[in-house]
Amino acid sequence: MTDTLPSATPPAQPPAPDSGFCFTDPGCRTDVRVGALLVLAAVFLWLWWGPTVSSRIYLVGVPFLLAGVPLQAFEGRRSGRPGHPLKLGLVLLIGGGLMWPDLCYREQVGQALHVQEVAPLLVCAGAWMVAWWPLARSGEAARLRAERRALASAASAAPSGGVPA
């Protein structure tokens, strides 16, 4: 019985992640992604499924956002976890704000102006995501400062002259 020699080639690396379309940034919590998808589904399926079904879908998705976004922000502050959905929140906030005037209507001429609930629902979800960003951002800034301090202390502890000790 003979033993085989170990291979000189390095082990295969896993494939690099696809850099295609991404709904949120890498590191975003799954509950935030699911909640945002349900909120968007409720908004854009409003005309096909009607307000009753769409409101139920929205009410299923909102608890995911209400719990997931603060948890994402606290994890970002505590451990520097990336992926806070700031861009998604801005898109929902700005998109809902831009849709608001288009979704205003009157039942009859001379009556009060009404707005379909789609625009306020988008604005509320986007504002919730954006409101937590400063808390998550401060954690990322603290992590970067700690990394810079560690690099600076490692550089100052290294012997001068470039000669290894």
N, C-alpha and C. Protein backbone atom coordinates (compact mmCIF):
# COMPACT_ATOMS: atom_id res chain seq x y z
N MET A 1 0.84 -1.17 0.00
CA MET A 1 0.00 0.00 0.00
C MET A 1 0.88 1.23 0.00
N THR A 2 0.60 2.14 -0.87
CA THR A 2 1.39 3.37 -0.94
C THR A 2 0.50 4.56 -0.63
N ASP A 3 1.10 5.52 0.02
CA ASP A 3 0.40 6.77 0.30
C ASP A 3 0.60 7.72 -0.86
N THR A 4 -0.41 8.46 -1.14
CA THR A 4 -0.28 9.45 -2.21
C THR A 4 0.35 10.71 -1.65
N LEU A 5 1.10 11.36 -2.49
CA LEU A 5 1.73 12.61 -2.09
C LEU A 5 0.70 13.73 -2.07
N PRO A 6 0.84 14.64 -1.12
CA PRO A 6 -0.10 15.76 -1.11
C PRO A 6 0.05 16.61 -2.37
N SER A 7 -1.03 17.12 -2.81
CA SER A 7 -1.04 17.93 -4.02
C SER A 7 -0.36 19.27 -3.77
N ALA A 8 0.35 19.74 -4.77
CA ALA A 8 1.03 21.03 -4.66
C ALA A 8 0.09 22.18 -5.00
N THR A 9 -1.05 21.88 -5.54
CA THR A 9 -1.99 22.95 -5.89
C THR A 9 -2.80 23.34 -4.66
N PRO A 10 -3.08 24.61 -4.53
CA PRO A 10 -3.88 25.06 -3.38
C PRO A 10 -5.32 24.56 -3.52
N PRO A 11 -6.03 24.46 -2.40
CA PRO A 11 -7.42 24.02 -2.49
C PRO A 11 -8.26 25.02 -3.28
N ALA A 12 -9.29 24.51 -3.89
CA ALA A 12 -10.15 25.36 -4.72
C ALA A 12 -10.86 26.40 -3.85
N GLN A 13 -10.88 27.61 -4.35
CA GLN A 13 -11.57 28.70 -3.65
C GLN A 13 -13.05 28.67 -4.02
N PRO A 14 -13.90 29.02 -3.08
CA PRO A 14 -15.32 29.09 -3.44
C PRO A 14 -15.54 30.19 -4.47
N PRO A 15 -16.56 30.04 -5.30
CA PRO A 15 -16.79 31.07 -6.33
C PRO A 15 -17.12 32.41 -5.69
N ALA A 16 -16.67 33.47 -6.34
CA ALA A 16 -16.94 34.82 -5.85
C ALA A 16 -18.44 35.10 -5.96
N PRO A 17 -18.98 35.84 -5.01
CA PRO A 17 -20.41 36.14 -5.10
C PRO A 17 -20.72 36.96 -6.34
N ASP A 18 -21.90 36.72 -6.88
CA ASP A 18 -22.33 37.43 -8.08
C ASP A 18 -22.53 38.91 -7.75
N SER A 19 -22.00 39.76 -8.58
CA SER A 19 -22.12 41.20 -8.34
C SER A 19 -23.29 41.81 -9.11
N GLY A 20 -24.29 41.00 -9.41
CA GLY A 20 -25.46 41.49 -10.13
C GLY A 20 -26.35 42.32 -9.23
N PHE A 21 -27.61 42.40 -9.59
CA PHE A 21 -28.57 43.20 -8.84
C PHE A 21 -28.71 42.65 -7.42
N CYS A 22 -28.66 43.54 -6.46
CA CYS A 22 -28.82 43.16 -5.06
C CYS A 22 -29.89 44.05 -4.45
N PHE A 23 -30.87 43.45 -3.82
CA PHE A 23 -31.99 44.19 -3.23
C PHE A 23 -31.52 45.10 -2.11
N THR A 24 -30.60 44.61 -1.29
CA THR A 24 -30.01 45.40 -0.20
C THR A 24 -28.51 45.16 -0.19
N ASP A 25 -27.81 45.88 0.66
CA ASP A 25 -26.37 45.70 0.77
C ASP A 25 -26.05 44.39 1.47
N PRO A 26 -24.88 43.80 1.18
CA PRO A 26 -24.48 42.58 1.89
C PRO A 26 -24.41 42.85 3.39
N GLY A 27 -24.87 41.90 4.17
CA GLY A 27 -24.87 42.05 5.62
C GLY A 27 -26.22 42.46 6.18
N CYS A 28 -27.16 42.78 5.31
CA CYS A 28 -28.49 43.18 5.77
C CYS A 28 -29.23 41.96 6.32
N ARG A 29 -29.95 42.15 7.41
CA ARG A 29 -30.67 41.05 8.04
C ARG A 29 -31.76 40.52 7.12
N THR A 30 -32.00 39.22 7.21
CA THR A 30 -33.01 38.59 6.37
C THR A 30 -34.41 39.11 6.69
N ASP A 31 -34.69 39.36 7.97
CA ASP A 31 -36.03 39.85 8.30
C ASP A 31 -36.29 41.24 7.71
N VAL A 32 -35.25 42.05 7.60
CA VAL A 32 -35.41 43.36 6.97
C VAL A 32 -35.69 43.19 5.48
N ARG A 33 -34.97 42.28 4.85
CA ARG A 33 -35.20 42.04 3.42
C ARG A 33 -36.60 41.51 3.15
N VAL A 34 -37.04 40.55 3.96
CA VAL A 34 -38.38 39.99 3.78
C VAL A 34 -39.44 41.05 4.03
N GLY A 35 -39.27 41.84 5.09
CA GLY A 35 -40.24 42.89 5.39
C GLY A 35 -40.33 43.92 4.27
N ALA A 36 -39.18 44.33 3.74
CA ALA A 36 -39.18 45.31 2.66
C ALA A 36 -39.82 44.74 1.39
N LEU A 37 -39.55 43.48 1.10
CA LEU A 37 -40.17 42.87 -0.08
C LEU A 37 -41.69 42.77 0.08
N LEU A 38 -42.16 42.43 1.28
CA LEU A 38 -43.60 42.36 1.50
C LEU A 38 -44.25 43.74 1.40
N VAL A 39 -43.57 44.76 1.93
CA VAL A 39 -44.11 46.12 1.83
C VAL A 39 -44.19 46.55 0.37
N LEU A 40 -43.14 46.29 -0.39
CA LEU A 40 -43.16 46.64 -1.81
C LEU A 40 -44.21 45.83 -2.57
N ALA A 41 -44.35 44.55 -2.23
CA ALA A 41 -45.38 43.74 -2.88
C ALA A 41 -46.76 44.29 -2.60
N ALA A 42 -47.00 44.70 -1.37
CA ALA A 42 -48.31 45.26 -1.01
C ALA A 42 -48.59 46.53 -1.79
N VAL A 43 -47.56 47.33 -1.98
CA VAL A 43 -47.75 48.61 -2.68
C VAL A 43 -48.01 48.39 -4.16
N PHE A 44 -47.23 47.53 -4.78
CA PHE A 44 -47.33 47.40 -6.23
C PHE A 44 -48.39 46.40 -6.68
N LEU A 45 -48.92 45.61 -5.77
CA LEU A 45 -50.03 44.72 -6.13
C LEU A 45 -51.38 45.30 -5.73
N TRP A 46 -51.37 46.55 -5.32
CA TRP A 46 -52.57 47.24 -4.85
C TRP A 46 -53.68 47.21 -5.90
N LEU A 47 -53.34 47.49 -7.15
CA LEU A 47 -54.35 47.57 -8.20
C LEU A 47 -54.88 46.20 -8.62
N TRP A 48 -54.06 45.15 -8.52
CA TRP A 48 -54.48 43.83 -8.95
C TRP A 48 -55.26 43.09 -7.87
N TRP A 49 -54.78 43.17 -6.64
CA TRP A 49 -55.41 42.40 -5.56
C TRP A 49 -56.35 43.23 -4.71
N GLY A 50 -56.33 44.53 -4.89
CA GLY A 50 -57.23 45.39 -4.13
C GLY A 50 -56.65 45.81 -2.79
N PRO A 51 -57.26 46.80 -2.18
CA PRO A 51 -56.71 47.35 -0.94
C PRO A 51 -56.78 46.39 0.25
N THR A 52 -57.77 45.50 0.28
CA THR A 52 -57.90 44.61 1.43
C THR A 52 -56.73 43.63 1.51
N VAL A 53 -56.47 42.93 0.42
CA VAL A 53 -55.37 41.95 0.40
C VAL A 53 -54.03 42.66 0.53
N SER A 54 -53.87 43.77 -0.16
CA SER A 54 -52.61 44.50 -0.09
C SER A 54 -52.34 45.03 1.31
N SER A 55 -53.36 45.49 1.99
CA SER A 55 -53.18 45.96 3.37
C SER A 55 -52.76 44.83 4.28
N ARG A 56 -53.31 43.65 4.06
CA ARG A 56 -52.91 42.48 4.87
C ARG A 56 -51.46 42.11 4.61
N ILE A 57 -51.04 42.16 3.36
CA ILE A 57 -49.63 41.87 3.04
C ILE A 57 -48.74 42.91 3.71
N TYR A 58 -49.13 44.16 3.65
CA TYR A 58 -48.36 45.23 4.30
C TYR A 58 -48.26 44.98 5.80
N LEU A 59 -49.38 44.59 6.41
CA LEU A 59 -49.38 44.35 7.86
C LEU A 59 -48.56 43.12 8.24
N VAL A 60 -48.35 42.21 7.32
CA VAL A 60 -47.45 41.08 7.57
C VAL A 60 -45.99 41.54 7.47
N GLY A 61 -45.69 42.42 6.53
CA GLY A 61 -44.31 42.86 6.31
C GLY A 61 -43.81 43.90 7.30
N VAL A 62 -44.70 44.75 7.79
CA VAL A 62 -44.27 45.85 8.67
C VAL A 62 -43.64 45.36 9.97
N PRO A 63 -44.16 44.32 10.64
CA PRO A 63 -43.47 43.89 11.87
C PRO A 63 -42.03 43.45 11.63
N PHE A 64 -41.76 42.88 10.46
CA PHE A 64 -40.37 42.52 10.15
C PHE A 64 -39.50 43.78 10.11
N LEU A 65 -40.02 44.85 9.53
CA LEU A 65 -39.26 46.10 9.48
C LEU A 65 -39.18 46.76 10.84
N LEU A 66 -40.29 46.75 11.58
CA LEU A 66 -40.30 47.40 12.89
C LEU A 66 -39.30 46.76 13.85
N ALA A 67 -39.11 45.46 13.75
CA ALA A 67 -38.15 44.78 14.62
C ALA A 67 -36.77 44.69 13.98
N GLY A 68 -36.71 44.42 12.69
CA GLY A 68 -35.43 44.14 12.03
C GLY A 68 -34.53 45.35 11.86
N VAL A 69 -35.10 46.50 11.53
CA VAL A 69 -34.28 47.69 11.28
C VAL A 69 -33.57 48.15 12.56
N PRO A 70 -34.26 48.25 13.72
CA PRO A 70 -33.51 48.61 14.94
C PRO A 70 -32.46 47.57 15.32
N LEU A 71 -32.78 46.28 15.14
CA LEU A 71 -31.78 45.25 15.44
C LEU A 71 -30.56 45.40 14.53
N GLN A 72 -30.80 45.69 13.26
CA GLN A 72 -29.70 45.92 12.32
C GLN A 72 -28.86 47.11 12.77
N ALA A 73 -29.52 48.18 13.21
CA ALA A 73 -28.80 49.37 13.66
C ALA A 73 -27.99 49.09 14.92
N PHE A 74 -28.57 48.36 15.88
CA PHE A 74 -27.84 48.04 17.11
C PHE A 74 -26.66 47.13 16.82
N GLU A 75 -26.84 46.16 15.92
CA GLU A 75 -25.72 45.29 15.55
C GLU A 75 -24.65 46.07 14.81
N GLY A 76 -25.06 47.02 13.99
CA GLY A 76 -24.09 47.86 13.31
C GLY A 76 -23.30 48.72 14.28
N ARG A 77 -23.96 49.21 15.30
CA ARG A 77 -23.28 50.05 16.30
C ARG A 77 -22.37 49.20 17.18
N ARG A 78 -22.87 48.05 17.62
CA ARG A 78 -22.12 47.23 18.56
C ARG A 78 -20.94 46.52 17.90
N SER A 79 -21.18 45.87 16.77
CA SER A 79 -20.14 45.04 16.18
C SER A 79 -19.72 45.48 14.79
N GLY A 80 -20.24 46.60 14.32
CA GLY A 80 -19.85 47.10 13.00
C GLY A 80 -20.44 46.30 11.86
N ARG A 81 -21.58 45.65 12.09
CA ARG A 81 -22.21 44.86 11.03
C ARG A 81 -22.63 45.78 9.88
N PRO A 82 -22.20 45.47 8.67
CA PRO A 82 -22.60 46.31 7.53
C PRO A 82 -24.01 45.95 7.07
N GLY A 83 -24.51 46.73 6.15
CA GLY A 83 -25.75 46.38 5.48
C GLY A 83 -26.98 47.11 5.95
N HIS A 84 -26.84 48.23 6.67
CA HIS A 84 -28.05 48.96 7.05
C HIS A 84 -28.75 49.43 5.78
N PRO A 85 -30.07 49.25 5.67
CA PRO A 85 -30.78 49.53 4.42
C PRO A 85 -31.06 51.01 4.20
N LEU A 86 -30.04 51.85 4.27
CA LEU A 86 -30.24 53.28 4.08
C LEU A 86 -30.72 53.59 2.66
N LYS A 87 -30.06 53.02 1.66
CA LYS A 87 -30.45 53.31 0.28
C LYS A 87 -31.88 52.86 -0.01
N LEU A 88 -32.25 51.70 0.50
CA LEU A 88 -33.61 51.22 0.32
C LEU A 88 -34.60 52.15 1.03
N GLY A 89 -34.25 52.60 2.23
CA GLY A 89 -35.11 53.53 2.95
C GLY A 89 -35.28 54.84 2.22
N LEU A 90 -34.19 55.35 1.65
CA LEU A 90 -34.28 56.59 0.89
C LEU A 90 -35.15 56.42 -0.35
N VAL A 91 -35.01 55.28 -1.02
CA VAL A 91 -35.83 55.03 -2.21
C VAL A 91 -37.31 54.97 -1.83
N LEU A 92 -37.63 54.29 -0.74
CA LEU A 92 -39.03 54.22 -0.32
C LEU A 92 -39.55 55.59 0.11
N LEU A 93 -38.73 56.33 0.84
CA LEU A 93 -39.14 57.65 1.32
C LEU A 93 -39.35 58.62 0.16
N ILE A 94 -38.37 58.71 -0.72
CA ILE A 94 -38.46 59.64 -1.85
C ILE A 94 -39.52 59.17 -2.85
N GLY A 95 -39.55 57.87 -3.13
CA GLY A 95 -40.55 57.34 -4.06
C GLY A 95 -41.97 57.56 -3.58
N GLY A 96 -42.21 57.30 -2.30
CA GLY A 96 -43.54 57.55 -1.75
C GLY A 96 -43.90 59.02 -1.76
N GLY A 97 -42.90 59.87 -1.49
CA GLY A 97 -43.16 61.31 -1.53
C GLY A 97 -43.47 61.81 -2.93
N LEU A 98 -42.79 61.25 -3.92
CA LEU A 98 -43.07 61.64 -5.30
C LEU A 98 -44.39 61.08 -5.81
N MET A 99 -44.79 59.93 -5.30
CA MET A 99 -46.06 59.33 -5.72
C MET A 99 -47.26 60.02 -5.09
N TRP A 100 -47.05 60.66 -3.94
CA TRP A 100 -48.16 61.22 -3.17
C TRP A 100 -49.06 62.15 -4.00
N PRO A 101 -48.51 63.16 -4.71
CA PRO A 101 -49.40 64.05 -5.48
C PRO A 101 -50.14 63.32 -6.60
N ASP A 102 -49.51 62.30 -7.17
CA ASP A 102 -50.17 61.56 -8.25
C ASP A 102 -51.32 60.69 -7.76
N LEU A 103 -51.30 60.34 -6.51
CA LEU A 103 -52.32 59.44 -5.97
C LEU A 103 -53.44 60.18 -5.23
N CYS A 104 -53.50 61.49 -5.40
CA CYS A 104 -54.59 62.27 -4.81
C CYS A 104 -55.80 62.24 -5.75
N TYR A 105 -56.97 62.17 -5.17
CA TYR A 105 -58.19 62.12 -5.98
C TYR A 105 -59.36 62.70 -5.18
N ARG A 106 -60.43 62.99 -5.88
CA ARG A 106 -61.70 63.44 -5.28
C ARG A 106 -62.79 62.47 -5.73
N GLU A 107 -63.66 62.12 -4.81
CA GLU A 107 -64.79 61.25 -5.17
C GLU A 107 -65.74 61.99 -6.11
N GLN A 108 -65.99 63.27 -5.80
CA GLN A 108 -66.84 64.10 -6.64
C GLN A 108 -66.24 65.50 -6.66
N VAL A 109 -66.58 66.25 -7.68
CA VAL A 109 -66.07 67.61 -7.79
C VAL A 109 -66.53 68.41 -6.58
N GLY A 110 -65.61 69.12 -5.97
CA GLY A 110 -65.93 69.96 -4.83
C GLY A 110 -65.77 69.26 -3.49
N GLN A 111 -65.55 67.95 -3.48
CA GLN A 111 -65.36 67.25 -2.22
C GLN A 111 -63.90 67.35 -1.76
N ALA A 112 -63.67 66.83 -0.58
CA ALA A 112 -62.32 66.86 -0.02
C ALA A 112 -61.37 65.99 -0.85
N LEU A 113 -60.12 66.36 -0.82
CA LEU A 113 -59.09 65.63 -1.54
C LEU A 113 -58.65 64.43 -0.70
N HIS A 114 -58.60 63.25 -1.31
CA HIS A 114 -58.18 62.02 -0.65
C HIS A 114 -56.87 61.56 -1.29
N VAL A 115 -56.16 60.72 -0.58
CA VAL A 115 -54.95 60.12 -1.14
C VAL A 115 -55.04 58.61 -0.92
N GLN A 116 -54.62 57.86 -1.95
CA GLN A 116 -54.57 56.41 -1.77
C GLN A 116 -53.51 56.09 -0.72
N GLU A 117 -53.73 55.05 0.03
CA GLU A 117 -52.85 54.72 1.15
C GLU A 117 -51.47 54.26 0.73
N VAL A 118 -51.27 54.00 -0.53
CA VAL A 118 -49.99 53.48 -1.01
C VAL A 118 -48.85 54.44 -0.70
N ALA A 119 -49.02 55.70 -1.00
CA ALA A 119 -47.93 56.67 -0.80
C ALA A 119 -47.57 56.84 0.67
N PRO A 120 -48.52 57.05 1.58
CA PRO A 120 -48.14 57.16 2.99
C PRO A 120 -47.50 55.89 3.54
N LEU A 121 -47.93 54.73 3.05
CA LEU A 121 -47.33 53.48 3.52
C LEU A 121 -45.86 53.39 3.12
N LEU A 122 -45.56 53.78 1.90
CA LEU A 122 -44.16 53.79 1.46
C LEU A 122 -43.33 54.80 2.24
N VAL A 123 -43.88 55.98 2.44
CA VAL A 123 -43.17 57.03 3.17
C VAL A 123 -42.88 56.58 4.60
N CYS A 124 -43.85 55.96 5.24
CA CYS A 124 -43.65 55.50 6.63
C CYS A 124 -42.55 54.44 6.71
N ALA A 125 -42.58 53.46 5.81
CA ALA A 125 -41.56 52.41 5.83
C ALA A 125 -40.17 52.99 5.55
N GLY A 126 -40.07 53.89 4.58
CA GLY A 126 -38.78 54.51 4.27
C GLY A 126 -38.28 55.39 5.39
N ALA A 127 -39.17 56.15 6.02
CA ALA A 127 -38.76 57.02 7.13
C ALA A 127 -38.27 56.20 8.31
N TRP A 128 -38.87 55.04 8.55
CA TRP A 128 -38.43 54.17 9.65
C TRP A 128 -37.00 53.68 9.40
N MET A 129 -36.69 53.29 8.16
CA MET A 129 -35.34 52.82 7.85
C MET A 129 -34.33 53.94 7.96
N VAL A 130 -34.66 55.10 7.44
CA VAL A 130 -33.73 56.24 7.45
C VAL A 130 -33.52 56.75 8.87
N ALA A 131 -34.55 56.69 9.71
CA ALA A 131 -34.44 57.22 11.07
C ALA A 131 -33.42 56.45 11.90
N TRP A 132 -33.21 55.18 11.63
CA TRP A 132 -32.26 54.38 12.40
C TRP A 132 -30.84 54.45 11.86
N TRP A 133 -30.64 55.06 10.72
CA TRP A 133 -29.31 55.08 10.12
C TRP A 133 -28.26 55.79 10.97
N PRO A 134 -28.53 56.93 11.60
CA PRO A 134 -27.47 57.57 12.40
C PRO A 134 -26.93 56.66 13.51
N LEU A 135 -27.79 55.85 14.11
CA LEU A 135 -27.33 54.94 15.15
C LEU A 135 -26.42 53.87 14.56
N ALA A 136 -26.78 53.31 13.43
CA ALA A 136 -25.95 52.29 12.79
C ALA A 136 -24.65 52.89 12.28
N ARG A 137 -24.71 54.10 11.76
CA ARG A 137 -23.53 54.77 11.21
C ARG A 137 -22.51 55.06 12.28
N SER A 138 -22.96 55.45 13.48
CA SER A 138 -22.00 55.77 14.55
C SER A 138 -21.22 54.53 14.95
N GLY A 139 -21.81 53.35 14.87
CA GLY A 139 -21.09 52.12 15.18
C GLY A 139 -20.04 51.81 14.13
N GLU A 140 -20.35 52.06 12.88
CA GLU A 140 -19.38 51.82 11.81
C GLU A 140 -18.21 52.79 11.93
N ALA A 141 -18.50 54.03 12.27
CA ALA A 141 -17.42 55.01 12.45
C ALA A 141 -16.53 54.63 13.62
N ALA A 142 -17.12 54.13 14.70
CA ALA A 142 -16.33 53.70 15.85
C ALA A 142 -15.45 52.51 15.49
N ARG A 143 -15.98 51.57 14.70
CA ARG A 143 -15.20 50.42 14.27
C ARG A 143 -14.02 50.85 13.41
N LEU A 144 -14.25 51.80 12.49
CA LEU A 144 -13.17 52.28 11.64
C LEU A 144 -12.10 53.01 12.45
N ARG A 145 -12.52 53.80 13.46
CA ARG A 145 -11.54 54.47 14.32
C ARG A 145 -10.71 53.46 15.09
N ALA A 146 -11.33 52.39 15.58
CA ALA A 146 -10.60 51.36 16.31
C ALA A 146 -9.60 50.65 15.39
N GLU A 147 -10.00 50.38 14.15
CA GLU A 147 -9.08 49.75 13.21
C GLU A 147 -7.89 50.66 12.90
N ARG A 148 -8.16 51.97 12.74
CA ARG A 148 -7.06 52.91 12.48
C ARG A 148 -6.11 52.97 13.66
N ARG A 149 -6.67 52.99 14.89
CA ARG A 149 -5.81 53.01 16.08
C ARG A 149 -4.96 51.76 16.16
N ALA A 150 -5.54 50.60 15.83
CA ALA A 150 -4.79 49.35 15.88
C ALA A 150 -3.68 49.35 14.84
N LEU A 151 -3.96 49.86 13.65
CA LEU A 151 -2.92 49.94 12.62
C LEU A 151 -1.82 50.91 13.03
N ALA A 152 -2.21 52.04 13.63
CA ALA A 152 -1.22 53.02 14.06
C ALA A 152 -0.35 52.46 15.18
N SER A 153 -0.95 51.74 16.12
CA SER A 153 -0.15 51.18 17.21
C SER A 153 0.75 50.06 16.70
N ALA A 154 0.28 49.28 15.72
CA ALA A 154 1.12 48.24 15.14
C ALA A 154 2.28 48.85 14.37
N ALA A 155 2.03 49.96 13.69
CA ALA A 155 3.10 50.62 12.94
C ALA A 155 4.12 51.24 13.89
N SER A 156 3.66 51.79 15.00
CA SER A 156 4.60 52.40 15.94
C SER A 156 5.37 51.35 16.72
N ALA A 157 4.81 50.14 16.88
CA ALA A 157 5.50 49.08 17.61
C ALA A 157 6.52 48.37 16.72
N ALA A 158 6.39 48.50 15.41
CA ALA A 158 7.34 47.85 14.50
C ALA A 158 8.70 48.53 14.61
N PRO A 159 9.78 47.75 14.54
CA PRO A 159 11.11 48.34 14.62
C PRO A 159 11.38 49.25 13.42
N SER A 160 12.08 50.31 13.67
CA SER A 160 12.39 51.25 12.59
C SER A 160 13.57 50.74 11.77
N GLY A 161 13.70 51.24 10.58
CA GLY A 161 14.81 50.88 9.71
C GLY A 161 14.48 49.76 8.76
N GLY A 162 13.34 49.13 8.92
CA GLY A 162 12.92 48.10 7.99
C GLY A 162 13.65 46.79 8.16
N VAL A 163 14.50 46.63 9.18
CA VAL A 163 15.22 45.38 9.39
C VAL A 163 14.41 44.53 10.36
N PRO A 164 14.05 43.33 9.96
CA PRO A 164 13.27 42.49 10.87
C PRO A 164 14.08 42.12 12.10
N ALA A 165 13.41 42.00 13.21
CA ALA A 165 14.10 41.70 14.47
C ALA A 165 14.35 40.24 14.64
